[in-house]
């Protein structure tokens, strides 16, 4: 199942003539999002709400942190992960209409949140 996720993401690239450079097992079973910081690959597990920093050559977990849900009024799920300028943004959503974005530094320190409405 872990490798299936990689294949689903790689198939469009193969159709465009790209080649696979490397592959490795995912660090967890519910990886829902990946992002790249220019050096490392970051993976978000939407089920366990863990973020993993990965060595892109071997897939070794370099660090990880747990996303504490700050929304006790609803049961949010982590769904998306983006890296921009030293900050990791994680979307925590309830449905297709409401959620929050959590901002973290690369060590897992929460820097803030903001609402998102779709």
PDB file of N, CA and C in Angstrom:
ATOM      1  N   UNK A   1       0.814  -1.200   0.000  1.00  0.00           N
ATOM      2  CA  UNK A   1       0.000   0.000   0.000  1.00  0.00           C
ATOM      3  C   UNK A   1       0.856   1.261   0.000  1.00  0.00           C
ATOM      4  N   UNK A   2       1.974   1.229   0.733  1.00  0.00           N
ATOM      5  CA  UNK A   2       2.840   2.400   0.809  1.00  0.00           C
ATOM      6  C   UNK A   2       3.398   2.757  -0.559  1.00  0.00           C
ATOM      7  N   UNK A   3       3.844   1.780  -1.300  1.00  0.00           N
ATOM      8  CA  UNK A   3       4.429   2.046  -2.608  1.00  0.00           C
ATOM      9  C   UNK A   3       3.370   2.461  -3.622  1.00  0.00           C
ATOM     10  N   UNK A   4       2.118   2.080  -3.403  1.00  0.00           N
ATOM     11  CA  UNK A   4       1.038   2.467  -4.296  1.00  0.00           C
ATOM     12  C   UNK A   4       0.904   3.977  -4.344  1.00  0.00           C
ATOM     13  N   UNK A   5       1.025   4.620  -3.200  1.00  0.00           N
ATOM     14  CA  UNK A   5       0.948   6.080  -3.137  1.00  0.00           C
ATOM     15  C   UNK A   5       2.019   6.715  -4.014  1.00  0.00           C
ATOM     16  N   UNK A   6       3.216   6.207  -3.939  1.00  0.00           N
ATOM     17  CA  UNK A   6       4.311   6.737  -4.747  1.00  0.00           C
ATOM     18  C   UNK A   6       4.015   6.534  -6.224  1.00  0.00           C
ATOM     19  N   UNK A   7       3.493   5.369  -6.592  1.00  0.00           N
ATOM     20  CA  UNK A   7       3.190   5.103  -7.995  1.00  0.00           C
ATOM     21  C   UNK A   7       2.106   6.031  -8.525  1.00  0.00           C
ATOM     22  N   UNK A   8       1.085   6.279  -7.720  1.00  0.00           N
ATOM     23  CA  UNK A   8       0.014   7.174  -8.159  1.00  0.00           C
ATOM     24  C   UNK A   8       0.554   8.570  -8.415  1.00  0.00           C
ATOM     25  N   UNK A   9       1.499   9.005  -7.601  1.00  0.00           N
ATOM     26  CA  UNK A   9       2.069  10.337  -7.761  1.00  0.00           C
ATOM     27  C   UNK A   9       3.070  10.378  -8.912  1.00  0.00           C
ATOM     28  N   UNK A  10       3.718   9.272  -9.206  1.00  0.00           N
ATOM     29  CA  UNK A  10       4.773   9.243 -10.208  1.00  0.00           C
ATOM     30  C   UNK A  10       4.231   8.993 -11.614  1.00  0.00           C
ATOM     31  N   UNK A  11       3.110   8.321 -11.732  1.00  0.00           N
ATOM     32  CA  UNK A  11       2.586   7.987 -13.058  1.00  0.00           C
ATOM     33  C   UNK A  11       2.404   9.202 -13.967  1.00  0.00           C
ATOM     34  N   UNK A  12       1.843  10.326 -13.481  1.00  0.00           N
ATOM     35  CA  UNK A  12       1.755  11.492 -14.376  1.00  0.00           C
ATOM     36  C   UNK A  12       3.124  11.984 -14.856  1.00  0.00           C
ATOM     37  N   UNK A  13       4.125  11.922 -13.985  1.00  0.00           N
ATOM     38  CA  UNK A  13       5.469  12.347 -14.380  1.00  0.00           C
ATOM     39  C   UNK A  13       6.036  11.410 -15.440  1.00  0.00           C
ATOM     40  N   UNK A  14       5.777  10.126 -15.314  1.00  0.00           N
ATOM     41  CA  UNK A  14       6.260   9.168 -16.310  1.00  0.00           C
ATOM     42  C   UNK A  14       5.630   9.422 -17.675  1.00  0.00           C
ATOM     43  N   UNK A  15       4.364   9.812 -17.654  1.00  0.00           N
ATOM     44  CA  UNK A  15       3.685  10.100 -18.915  1.00  0.00           C
ATOM     45  C   UNK A  15       4.319  11.285 -19.631  1.00  0.00           C
ATOM     46  N   UNK A  16       4.971  12.160 -18.889  1.00  0.00           N
ATOM     47  CA  UNK A  16       5.624  13.331 -19.478  1.00  0.00           C
ATOM     48  C   UNK A  16       7.089  13.061 -19.815  1.00  0.00           C
ATOM     49  N   UNK A  17       7.529  11.820 -19.672  1.00  0.00           N
ATOM     50  CA  UNK A  17       8.887  11.460 -20.036  1.00  0.00           C
ATOM     51  C   UNK A  17       9.890  11.556 -18.908  1.00  0.00           C
ATOM     52  N   UNK A  18       9.430  11.792 -17.681  1.00  0.00           N
ATOM     53  CA  UNK A  18      10.337  11.858 -16.539  1.00  0.00           C
ATOM     54  C   UNK A  18      10.711  10.445 -16.104  1.00  0.00           C
ATOM     55  N   UNK A  19      11.765  10.331 -15.347  1.00  0.00           N
ATOM     56  CA  UNK A  19      12.178   9.016 -14.855  1.00  0.00           C
ATOM     57  C   UNK A  19      12.237   9.021 -13.332  1.00  0.00           C
ATOM     58  N   UNK A  20      12.100   7.848 -12.737  1.00  0.00           N
ATOM     59  CA  UNK A  20      12.172   7.709 -11.287  1.00  0.00           C
ATOM     60  C   UNK A  20      13.635   7.764 -10.874  1.00  0.00           C
ATOM     61  N   UNK A  21      13.956   8.648  -9.955  1.00  0.00           N
ATOM     62  CA  UNK A  21      15.314   8.806  -9.468  1.00  0.00           C
ATOM     63  C   UNK A  21      15.556   7.903  -8.265  1.00  0.00           C
ATOM     64  N   UNK A  22      14.555   7.783  -7.404  1.00  0.00           N
ATOM     65  CA  UNK A  22      14.702   7.015  -6.183  1.00  0.00           C
ATOM     66  C   UNK A  22      13.324   6.641  -5.668  1.00  0.00           C
ATOM     67  N   UNK A  23      13.253   5.611  -4.861  1.00  0.00           N
ATOM     68  CA  UNK A  23      12.012   5.252  -4.179  1.00  0.00           C
ATOM     69  C   UNK A  23      12.357   4.616  -2.841  1.00  0.00           C
ATOM     70  N   UNK A  24      11.448   4.756  -1.897  1.00  0.00           N
ATOM     71  CA  UNK A  24      11.612   4.171  -0.572  1.00  0.00           C
ATOM     72  C   UNK A  24      10.244   4.095   0.074  1.00  0.00           C
ATOM     73  N   UNK A  25      10.140   3.279   1.125  1.00  0.00           N
ATOM     74  CA  UNK A  25       8.874   3.135   1.834  1.00  0.00           C
ATOM     75  C   UNK A  25       8.525   4.418   2.569  1.00  0.00           C
ATOM     76  N   UNK A  26       7.240   4.682   2.661  1.00  0.00           N
ATOM     77  CA  UNK A  26       6.750   5.840   3.402  1.00  0.00           C
ATOM     78  C   UNK A  26       6.996   5.626   4.894  1.00  0.00           C
ATOM     79  N   UNK A  27       7.166   6.696   5.660  1.00  0.00           N
ATOM     80  CA  UNK A  27       7.439   6.562   7.092  1.00  0.00           C
ATOM     81  C   UNK A  27       6.221   6.163   7.919  1.00  0.00           C
ATOM     82  N   UNK A  28       5.036   6.236   7.333  1.00  0.00           N
ATOM     83  CA  UNK A  28       3.806   5.922   8.047  1.00  0.00           C
ATOM     84  C   UNK A  28       2.794   5.418   7.024  1.00  0.00           C
ATOM     85  N   UNK A  29       1.634   4.973   7.467  1.00  0.00           N
ATOM     86  CA  UNK A  29       0.685   4.328   6.552  1.00  0.00           C
ATOM     87  C   UNK A  29      -0.366   5.257   5.956  1.00  0.00           C
ATOM     88  N   UNK A  30      -0.472   6.487   6.442  1.00  0.00           N
ATOM     89  CA  UNK A  30      -1.523   7.382   5.954  1.00  0.00           C
ATOM     90  C   UNK A  30      -0.983   8.678   5.373  1.00  0.00           C
ATOM     91  N   UNK A  31       0.120   8.623   4.634  1.00  0.00           N
ATOM     92  CA  UNK A  31       0.715   9.841   4.078  1.00  0.00           C
ATOM     93  C   UNK A  31      -0.287  10.492   3.121  1.00  0.00           C
ATOM     94  N   UNK A  32      -0.622  11.753   3.424  1.00  0.00           N
ATOM     95  CA  UNK A  32      -1.618  12.459   2.621  1.00  0.00           C
ATOM     96  C   UNK A  32      -1.038  13.629   1.849  1.00  0.00           C
ATOM     97  N   UNK A  33       0.208  14.018   2.159  1.00  0.00           N
ATOM     98  CA  UNK A  33       0.787  15.163   1.481  1.00  0.00           C
ATOM     99  C   UNK A  33       2.309  15.132   1.595  1.00  0.00           C
ATOM    100  N   UNK A  34       2.958  15.662   0.561  1.00  0.00           N
ATOM    101  CA  UNK A  34       4.418  15.786   0.524  1.00  0.00           C
ATOM    102  C   UNK A  34       4.784  17.209   0.143  1.00  0.00           C
ATOM    103  N   UNK A  35       5.924  17.684   0.630  1.00  0.00           N
ATOM    104  CA  UNK A  35       6.454  18.970   0.199  1.00  0.00           C
ATOM    105  C   UNK A  35       7.979  18.897   0.239  1.00  0.00           C
ATOM    106  N   UNK A  36       8.613  19.798  -0.472  1.00  0.00           N
ATOM    107  CA  UNK A  36      10.057  19.819  -0.642  1.00  0.00           C
ATOM    108  C   UNK A  36      10.575  21.169  -0.171  1.00  0.00           C
ATOM    109  N   UNK A  37      11.659  21.177   0.622  1.00  0.00           N
ATOM    110  CA  UNK A  37      12.216  22.439   1.105  1.00  0.00           C
ATOM    111  C   UNK A  37      13.498  22.842   0.380  1.00  0.00           C
ATOM    112  N   UNK A  38      13.845  22.124  -0.677  1.00  0.00           N
ATOM    113  CA  UNK A  38      15.065  22.391  -1.418  1.00  0.00           C
ATOM    114  C   UNK A  38      16.191  21.449  -1.033  1.00  0.00           C
ATOM    115  N   UNK A  39      16.083  20.818   0.132  1.00  0.00           N
ATOM    116  CA  UNK A  39      17.080  19.863   0.612  1.00  0.00           C
ATOM    117  C   UNK A  39      16.414  18.557   1.057  1.00  0.00           C
ATOM    118  N   UNK A  40      15.340  18.682   1.827  1.00  0.00           N
ATOM    119  CA  UNK A  40      14.652  17.533   2.412  1.00  0.00           C
ATOM    120  C   UNK A  40      13.226  17.409   1.913  1.00  0.00           C
ATOM    121  N   UNK A  41      12.725  16.203   1.977  1.00  0.00           N
ATOM    122  CA  UNK A  41      11.331  15.904   1.674  1.00  0.00           C
ATOM    123  C   UNK A  41      10.578  15.876   2.998  1.00  0.00           C
ATOM    124  N   UNK A  42       9.394  16.449   3.017  1.00  0.00           N
ATOM    125  CA  UNK A  42       8.541  16.448   4.201  1.00  0.00           C
ATOM    126  C   UNK A  42       7.268  15.686   3.870  1.00  0.00           C
ATOM    127  N   UNK A  43       6.807  14.853   4.803  1.00  0.00           N
ATOM    128  CA  UNK A  43       5.609  14.047   4.599  1.00  0.00           C
ATOM    129  C   UNK A  43       4.646  14.269   5.766  1.00  0.00           C
ATOM    130  N   UNK A  44       3.363  14.356   5.451  1.00  0.00           N
ATOM    131  CA  UNK A  44       2.318  14.512   6.453  1.00  0.00           C
ATOM    132  C   UNK A  44       1.463  13.262   6.466  1.00  0.00           C
ATOM    133  N   UNK A  45       1.268  12.679   7.638  1.00  0.00           N
ATOM    134  CA  UNK A  45       0.336  11.572   7.785  1.00  0.00           C
ATOM    135  C   UNK A  45      -0.971  12.149   8.303  1.00  0.00           C
ATOM    136  N   UNK A  46      -1.999  12.139   7.464  1.00  0.00           N
ATOM    137  CA  UNK A  46      -3.285  12.716   7.826  1.00  0.00           C
ATOM    138  C   UNK A  46      -4.032  11.922   8.873  1.00  0.00           C
ATOM    139  N   UNK A  47      -3.678  10.673   9.065  1.00  0.00           N
ATOM    140  CA  UNK A  47      -4.348   9.833  10.058  1.00  0.00           C
ATOM    141  C   UNK A  47      -3.741  10.022  11.439  1.00  0.00           C
ATOM    142  N   UNK A  48      -2.427   9.916  11.545  1.00  0.00           N
ATOM    143  CA  UNK A  48      -1.762  10.039  12.846  1.00  0.00           C
ATOM    144  C   UNK A  48      -1.411  11.480  13.197  1.00  0.00           C
ATOM    145  N   UNK A  49      -1.501  12.379  12.208  1.00  0.00           N
ATOM    146  CA  UNK A  49      -1.176  13.799  12.366  1.00  0.00           C
ATOM    147  C   UNK A  49       0.282  14.022  12.738  1.00  0.00           C
ATOM    148  N   UNK A  50       1.158  13.232  12.147  1.00  0.00           N
ATOM    149  CA  UNK A  50       2.597  13.397  12.306  1.00  0.00           C
ATOM    150  C   UNK A  50       3.191  13.988  11.034  1.00  0.00           C
ATOM    151  N   UNK A  51       4.184  14.853  11.204  1.00  0.00           N
ATOM    152  CA  UNK A  51       4.938  15.410  10.086  1.00  0.00           C
ATOM    153  C   UNK A  51       6.347  14.822  10.179  1.00  0.00           C
ATOM    154  N   UNK A  52       6.855  14.350   9.039  1.00  0.00           N
ATOM    155  CA  UNK A  52       8.165  13.714   8.989  1.00  0.00           C
ATOM    156  C   UNK A  52       9.095  14.483   8.061  1.00  0.00           C
ATOM    157  N   UNK A  53      10.318  14.728   8.506  1.00  0.00           N
ATOM    158  CA  UNK A  53      11.377  15.272   7.664  1.00  0.00           C
ATOM    159  C   UNK A  53      12.195  14.067   7.193  1.00  0.00           C
ATOM    160  N   UNK A  54      12.326  13.925   5.859  1.00  0.00           N
ATOM    161  CA  UNK A  54      12.973  12.747   5.291  1.00  0.00           C
ATOM    162  C   UNK A  54      14.219  13.106   4.499  1.00  0.00           C
ATOM    163  N   UNK A  55      15.227  12.263   4.607  1.00  0.00           N
ATOM    164  CA  UNK A  55      16.393  12.343   3.735  1.00  0.00           C
ATOM    165  C   UNK A  55      15.938  11.812   2.373  1.00  0.00           C
ATOM    166  N   UNK A  56      16.024  12.618   1.319  1.00  0.00           N
ATOM    167  CA  UNK A  56      15.499  12.186   0.021  1.00  0.00           C
ATOM    168  C   UNK A  56      16.311  11.083  -0.662  1.00  0.00           C
ATOM    169  N   UNK A  57      17.514  10.818  -0.189  1.00  0.00           N
ATOM    170  CA  UNK A  57      18.317   9.775  -0.833  1.00  0.00           C
ATOM    171  C   UNK A  57      18.007   8.396  -0.285  1.00  0.00           C
ATOM    172  N   UNK A  58      17.703   8.291   1.012  1.00  0.00           N
ATOM    173  CA  UNK A  58      17.470   6.977   1.621  1.00  0.00           C
ATOM    174  C   UNK A  58      16.085   6.831   2.240  1.00  0.00           C
ATOM    175  N   UNK A  59      15.362   7.936   2.384  1.00  0.00           N
ATOM    176  CA  UNK A  59      14.052   7.889   3.012  1.00  0.00           C
ATOM    177  C   UNK A  59      14.113   7.843   4.526  1.00  0.00           C
ATOM    178  N   UNK A  60      15.306   8.009   5.087  1.00  0.00           N
ATOM    179  CA  UNK A  60      15.485   7.982   6.543  1.00  0.00           C
ATOM    180  C   UNK A  60      14.758   9.157   7.180  1.00  0.00           C
ATOM    181  N   UNK A  61      14.057   8.884   8.277  1.00  0.00           N
ATOM    182  CA  UNK A  61      13.375   9.944   9.024  1.00  0.00           C
ATOM    183  C   UNK A  61      14.425  10.719   9.814  1.00  0.00           C
ATOM    184  N   UNK A  62      14.569  12.005   9.496  1.00  0.00           N
ATOM    185  CA  UNK A  62      15.536  12.869  10.168  1.00  0.00           C
ATOM    186  C   UNK A  62      14.950  13.505  11.418  1.00  0.00           C
ATOM    187  N   UNK A  63      13.665  13.803  11.369  1.00  0.00           N
ATOM    188  CA  UNK A  63      12.954  14.354  12.515  1.00  0.00           C
ATOM    189  C   UNK A  63      11.464  14.175  12.270  1.00  0.00           C
ATOM    190  N   UNK A  64      10.684  14.364  13.316  1.00  0.00           N
ATOM    191  CA  UNK A  64       9.231  14.302  13.173  1.00  0.00           C
ATOM    192  C   UNK A  64       8.605  15.070  14.326  1.00  0.00           C
ATOM    193  N   UNK A  65       7.360  15.473  14.128  1.00  0.00           N
ATOM    194  CA  UNK A  65       6.611  16.095  15.207  1.00  0.00           C
ATOM    195  C   UNK A  65       5.133  15.822  15.013  1.00  0.00           C
ATOM    196  N   UNK A  66       4.417  15.853  16.132  1.00  0.00           N
ATOM    197  CA  UNK A  66       2.981  15.598  16.153  1.00  0.00           C
ATOM    198  C   UNK A  66       2.236  16.921  16.096  1.00  0.00           C
ATOM    199  N   UNK A  67       1.180  16.977  15.322  1.00  0.00           N
ATOM    200  CA  UNK A  67       0.357  18.180  15.224  1.00  0.00           C
ATOM    201  C   UNK A  67      -0.758  18.076  16.254  1.00  0.00           C
ATOM    202  N   UNK A  68      -0.669  18.867  17.297  1.00  0.00           N
ATOM    203  CA  UNK A  68      -1.717  18.888  18.307  1.00  0.00           C
ATOM    204  C   UNK A  68      -2.906  19.649  17.756  1.00  0.00           C
ATOM    205  N   UNK A  69      -4.072  19.006  17.756  1.00  0.00           N
ATOM    206  CA  UNK A  69      -5.284  19.642  17.250  1.00  0.00           C
ATOM    207  C   UNK A  69      -5.726  20.731  18.222  1.00  0.00           C
ATOM    208  N   UNK A  70      -5.755  21.963  17.746  1.00  0.00           N
ATOM    209  CA  UNK A  70      -6.142  23.104  18.577  1.00  0.00           C
ATOM    210  C   UNK A  70      -7.615  23.463  18.422  1.00  0.00           C
ATOM    211  N   UNK A  71      -8.360  22.578  17.788  1.00  0.00           N
ATOM    212  CA  UNK A  71      -9.770  22.856  17.500  1.00  0.00           C
ATOM    213  C   UNK A  71     -10.651  21.850  18.231  1.00  0.00           C
ATOM    214  N   UNK A  72     -10.831  22.002  19.544  1.00  0.00           N
ATOM    215  CA  UNK A  72     -11.594  21.010  20.311  1.00  0.00           C
ATOM    216  C   UNK A  72     -13.077  20.965  19.960  1.00  0.00           C
ATOM    217  N   UNK A  73     -13.594  21.972  19.291  1.00  0.00           N
ATOM    218  CA  UNK A  73     -15.021  21.995  18.977  1.00  0.00           C
ATOM    219  C   UNK A  73     -15.379  21.111  17.788  1.00  0.00           C
ATOM    220  N   UNK A  74     -14.399  20.640  17.047  1.00  0.00           N
ATOM    221  CA  UNK A  74     -14.665  19.711  15.950  1.00  0.00           C
ATOM    222  C   UNK A  74     -13.475  18.793  15.773  1.00  0.00           C
ATOM    223  N   UNK A  75     -13.687  17.704  15.068  1.00  0.00           N
ATOM    224  CA  UNK A  75     -12.649  16.700  14.878  1.00  0.00           C
ATOM    225  C   UNK A  75     -11.954  16.936  13.539  1.00  0.00           C
ATOM    226  N   UNK A  76     -10.940  17.757  13.565  1.00  0.00           N
ATOM    227  CA  UNK A  76     -10.249  18.119  12.321  1.00  0.00           C
ATOM    228  C   UNK A  76      -9.308  17.011  11.871  1.00  0.00           C
ATOM    229  N   UNK A  77      -9.042  16.995  10.572  1.00  0.00           N
ATOM    230  CA  UNK A  77      -8.097  16.043   9.990  1.00  0.00           C
ATOM    231  C   UNK A  77      -7.031  16.815   9.232  1.00  0.00           C
ATOM    232  N   UNK A  78      -5.782  16.389   9.385  1.00  0.00           N
ATOM    233  CA  UNK A  78      -4.686  17.019   8.646  1.00  0.00           C
ATOM    234  C   UNK A  78      -4.765  16.557   7.197  1.00  0.00           C
ATOM    235  N   UNK A  79      -4.705  17.511   6.267  1.00  0.00           N
ATOM    236  CA  UNK A  79      -4.885  17.136   4.873  1.00  0.00           C
ATOM    237  C   UNK A  79      -3.830  17.620   3.913  1.00  0.00           C
ATOM    238  N   UNK A  80      -3.200  18.733   4.175  1.00  0.00           N
ATOM    239  CA  UNK A  80      -2.248  19.284   3.231  1.00  0.00           C
ATOM    240  C   UNK A  80      -1.022  19.826   3.922  1.00  0.00           C
ATOM    241  N   UNK A  81       0.106  19.825   3.207  1.00  0.00           N
ATOM    242  CA  UNK A  81       1.378  20.283   3.754  1.00  0.00           C
ATOM    243  C   UNK A  81       2.110  21.064   2.678  1.00  0.00           C
ATOM    244  N   UNK A  82       2.583  22.268   3.029  1.00  0.00           N
ATOM    245  CA  UNK A  82       3.328  23.112   2.099  1.00  0.00           C
ATOM    246  C   UNK A  82       4.499  23.738   2.853  1.00  0.00           C
ATOM    247  N   UNK A  83       5.644  23.844   2.175  1.00  0.00           N
ATOM    248  CA  UNK A  83       6.814  24.518   2.731  1.00  0.00           C
ATOM    249  C   UNK A  83       7.027  25.806   1.960  1.00  0.00           C
ATOM    250  N   UNK A  84       7.111  26.941   2.685  1.00  0.00           N
ATOM    251  CA  UNK A  84       7.375  28.234   2.063  1.00  0.00           C
ATOM    252  C   UNK A  84       8.291  29.036   2.975  1.00  0.00           C
ATOM    253  N   UNK A  85       9.464  29.370   2.486  1.00  0.00           N
ATOM    254  CA  UNK A  85      10.370  30.265   3.191  1.00  0.00           C
ATOM    255  C   UNK A  85      10.689  29.885   4.624  1.00  0.00           C
ATOM    256  N   UNK A  86      10.957  28.622   4.894  1.00  0.00           N
ATOM    257  CA  UNK A  86      11.317  28.198   6.235  1.00  0.00           C
ATOM    258  C   UNK A  86      10.143  27.822   7.117  1.00  0.00           C
ATOM    259  N   UNK A  87       8.934  27.930   6.588  1.00  0.00           N
ATOM    260  CA  UNK A  87       7.738  27.631   7.370  1.00  0.00           C
ATOM    261  C   UNK A  87       6.958  26.493   6.721  1.00  0.00           C
ATOM    262  N   UNK A  88       6.465  25.581   7.564  1.00  0.00           N
ATOM    263  CA  UNK A  88       5.585  24.505   7.118  1.00  0.00           C
ATOM    264  C   UNK A  88       4.149  24.896   7.441  1.00  0.00           C
ATOM    265  N   UNK A  89       3.272  24.791   6.459  1.00  0.00           N
ATOM    266  CA  UNK A  89       1.856  25.089   6.633  1.00  0.00           C
ATOM    267  C   UNK A  89       1.085  23.783   6.506  1.00  0.00           C
ATOM    268  N   UNK A  90       0.262  23.478   7.518  1.00  0.00           N
ATOM    269  CA  UNK A  90      -0.523  22.245   7.540  1.00  0.00           C
ATOM    270  C   UNK A  90      -1.993  22.623   7.598  1.00  0.00           C
ATOM    271  N   UNK A  91      -2.785  22.123   6.649  1.00  0.00           N
ATOM    272  CA  UNK A  91      -4.221  22.392   6.683  1.00  0.00           C
ATOM    273  C   UNK A  91      -4.913  21.344   7.547  1.00  0.00           C
ATOM    274  N   UNK A  92      -5.748  21.831   8.443  1.00  0.00           N
ATOM    275  CA  UNK A  92      -6.585  20.982   9.297  1.00  0.00           C
ATOM    276  C   UNK A  92      -8.021  21.293   8.913  1.00  0.00           C
ATOM    277  N   UNK A  93      -8.713  20.323   8.334  1.00  0.00           N
ATOM    278  CA  UNK A  93     -10.043  20.603   7.817  1.00  0.00           C
ATOM    279  C   UNK A  93     -11.096  19.713   8.455  1.00  0.00           C
ATOM    280  N   UNK A  94     -12.314  20.241   8.486  1.00  0.00           N
ATOM    281  CA  UNK A  94     -13.456  19.517   9.024  1.00  0.00           C
ATOM    282  C   UNK A  94     -14.285  18.969   7.890  1.00  0.00           C
ATOM    283  N   UNK A  95     -14.553  19.787   6.937  1.00  0.00           N
ATOM    284  CA  UNK A  95     -15.356  19.399   5.788  1.00  0.00           C
ATOM    285  C   UNK A  95     -14.842  20.205   4.612  1.00  0.00           C
ATOM    286  N   UNK A  96     -15.600  20.275   3.564  1.00  0.00           N
ATOM    287  CA  UNK A  96     -15.193  21.057   2.409  1.00  0.00           C
ATOM    288  C   UNK A  96     -15.398  22.542   2.592  1.00  0.00           C
ATOM    289  N   UNK A  97     -15.883  22.963   3.777  1.00  0.00           N
ATOM    290  CA  UNK A  97     -16.215  24.371   3.939  1.00  0.00           C
ATOM    291  C   UNK A  97     -15.408  25.113   4.989  1.00  0.00           C
ATOM    292  N   UNK A  98     -14.799  24.413   5.949  1.00  0.00           N
ATOM    293  CA  UNK A  98     -14.112  25.134   7.017  1.00  0.00           C
ATOM    294  C   UNK A  98     -12.888  24.367   7.499  1.00  0.00           C
ATOM    295  N   UNK A  99     -11.900  25.112   7.947  1.00  0.00           N
ATOM    296  CA  UNK A  99     -10.719  24.512   8.542  1.00  0.00           C
ATOM    297  C   UNK A  99      -9.775  25.594   9.024  1.00  0.00           C
ATOM    298  N   UNK A 100      -8.607  25.167   9.452  1.00  0.00           N
ATOM    299  CA  UNK A 100      -7.578  26.086   9.880  1.00  0.00           C
ATOM    300  C   UNK A 100      -6.249  25.656   9.281  1.00  0.00           C
ATOM    301  N   UNK A 101      -5.353  26.609   9.140  1.00  0.00           N
ATOM    302  CA  UNK A 101      -3.993  26.320   8.704  1.00  0.00           C
ATOM    303  C   UNK A 101      -3.082  26.581   9.882  1.00  0.00           C
ATOM    304  N   UNK A 102      -2.252  25.591  10.194  1.00  0.00           N
ATOM    305  CA  UNK A 102      -1.279  25.708  11.273  1.00  0.00           C
ATOM    306  C   UNK A 102       0.074  26.012  10.653  1.00  0.00           C
ATOM    307  N   UNK A 103       0.786  26.964  11.222  1.00  0.00           N
ATOM    308  CA  UNK A 103       2.126  27.333  10.765  1.00  0.00           C
ATOM    309  C   UNK A 103       3.153  26.803  11.759  1.00  0.00           C
ATOM    310  N   UNK A 104       4.157  26.071  11.257  1.00  0.00           N
ATOM    311  CA  UNK A 104       5.210  25.509  12.092  1.00  0.00           C
ATOM    312  C   UNK A 104       6.575  25.883  11.535  1.00  0.00           C
ATOM    313  N   UNK A 105       7.562  26.026  12.429  1.00  0.00           N
ATOM    314  CA  UNK A 105       8.926  26.082  11.927  1.00  0.00           C
ATOM    315  C   UNK A 105       9.365  24.634  11.689  1.00  0.00           C
ATOM    316  N   UNK A 106      10.532  24.448  11.137  1.00  0.00           N
ATOM    317  CA  UNK A 106      10.956  23.096  10.762  1.00  0.00           C
ATOM    318  C   UNK A 106      11.306  22.207  11.960  1.00  0.00           C
ATOM    319  N   UNK A 107      11.348  22.774  13.156  1.00  0.00           N
ATOM    320  CA  UNK A 107      11.567  21.953  14.346  1.00  0.00           C
ATOM    321  C   UNK A 107      10.251  21.519  14.983  1.00  0.00           C
ATOM    322  N   UNK A 108       9.126  21.998  14.431  1.00  0.00           N
ATOM    323  CA  UNK A 108       7.813  21.607  14.941  1.00  0.00           C
ATOM    324  C   UNK A 108       7.194  22.581  15.911  1.00  0.00           C
ATOM    325  N   UNK A 109       7.802  23.741  16.083  1.00  0.00           N
ATOM    326  CA  UNK A 109       7.234  24.766  16.962  1.00  0.00           C
ATOM    327  C   UNK A 109       6.081  25.464  16.252  1.00  0.00           C
ATOM    328  N   UNK A 110       4.929  25.514  16.915  1.00  0.00           N
ATOM    329  CA  UNK A 110       3.762  26.179  16.346  1.00  0.00           C
ATOM    330  C   UNK A 110       3.989  27.682  16.332  1.00  0.00           C
ATOM    331  N   UNK A 111       3.863  28.295  15.152  1.00  0.00           N
ATOM    332  CA  UNK A 111       4.073  29.735  14.994  1.00  0.00           C
ATOM    333  C   UNK A 111       2.769  30.510  14.950  1.00  0.00           C
ATOM    334  N   UNK A 112       1.655  29.817  14.701  1.00  0.00           N
ATOM    335  CA  UNK A 112       0.370  30.484  14.632  1.00  0.00           C
ATOM    336  C   UNK A 112      -0.615  29.696  13.796  1.00  0.00           C
ATOM    337  N   UNK A 113      -1.830  30.213  13.715  1.00  0.00           N
ATOM    338  CA  UNK A 113      -2.887  29.595  12.924  1.00  0.00           C
ATOM    339  C   UNK A 113      -3.680  30.687  12.218  1.00  0.00           C
ATOM    340  N   UNK A 114      -4.383  30.297  11.178  1.00  0.00           N
ATOM    341  CA  UNK A 114      -5.358  31.194  10.590  1.00  0.00           C
ATOM    342  C   UNK A 114      -6.495  30.372   9.992  1.00  0.00           C
ATOM    343  N   UNK A 115      -7.682  30.967   9.948  1.00  0.00           N
ATOM    344  CA  UNK A 115      -8.869  30.284   9.434  1.00  0.00           C
ATOM    345  C   UNK A 115      -8.848  30.227   7.914  1.00  0.00           C
ATOM    346  N   UNK A 116      -9.491  29.202   7.389  1.00  0.00           N
ATOM    347  CA  UNK A 116      -9.693  29.122   5.943  1.00  0.00           C
ATOM    348  C   UNK A 116     -11.125  28.701   5.688  1.00  0.00           C
ATOM    349  N   UNK A 117     -11.754  29.376   4.779  1.00  0.00           N
ATOM    350  CA  UNK A 117     -13.117  29.064   4.383  1.00  0.00           C
ATOM    351  C   UNK A 117     -13.116  28.761   2.891  1.00  0.00           C
ATOM    352  N   UNK A 118     -13.739  27.670   2.535  1.00  0.00           N
ATOM    353  CA  UNK A 118     -13.767  27.274   1.116  1.00  0.00           C
ATOM    354  C   UNK A 118     -15.132  27.504   0.522  1.00  0.00           C
TER     355      UNK A 118
END
